[in-house]
Amino acid sequence: MWEWIFTVIFTIEYILRLISIRRPFRYIFSFLGIIDLIALIPSYLSIFFAGAQTLLVFRALRLLRVFRIFKLGHFLTEIHFLKQALRGSLRKIAIFLLTVLTLAVILGSIMYLVEKRENGFTSIPESVYWAIVTITTVGYGDISPITPLGKFVAAIVMLIGYSIIAVPTGILTHDLAIAFKGKTASLETCPDCGYEGHDSDALYCKRCGSSLRVKDVTGKKTSP
């Protein structure tokens, strides 16, 4: 019953949308329009083909109703800010992950030399796997150090993992805060201290006071 109630509601919404917009065919063949139509078709197909054994495969179309969730993105403007933040932090997070991977290779190699094969660290890739699992605080426990020196190295790896696990979150949060400032925010970096997040019309750095831009003879602001 509830299934048909929601199907009718979505059908009415789809028809009203076609009536209210100026170019209905443009909406019908758009990405969101196709998703809306696909979300409605399975329910009506079940009316005509419910008793046909050979057409039970059409029931699989009901799975396509999950595409309705994509409609929410059309109304949530916050997704724009999230995309902008992800785009701004992508390079920073990539550099961070590369640094963590390099650190995992170094620590895994050290653990391989300390623990040897008889303690489960049969190869450097296996030891690097252990380092990644430990740094990310997953800790499967399938490989663990036995020697006192190995346990000491493992303790250092655990502390490193706890200290860096929140770095990507901080990077994304910083860029997300900048994105929410809208047009008043700028990603311009101070040439002296490297601070980001100045106002779009800022001439001096908020942190160190250094000049960000200078005005040319036309009165426009340019980079120094």
Foldseek 3Di string as FASTA:
>chain_A
DVVVVVLVVLVVVLVVVLVPDPDNVVLCPDPVNVLSVLLNPLVVVCVVCVPPPVPPVSNVSNVSNVSVVVVVVVVDPLVVLLVQLCVVCVVVVVVVVVVLLVVLLVLLVVLCVVQPPVQPSNDSVSSSVVLVCLLCVVCPPPGAGDDPVSVVSSVVSNVNSVVCNCVSVVSSVVSSVLSVVPQQWDQQADPPPRDGTHGPPDQADPPPGHGQWDADPVRDTDGD
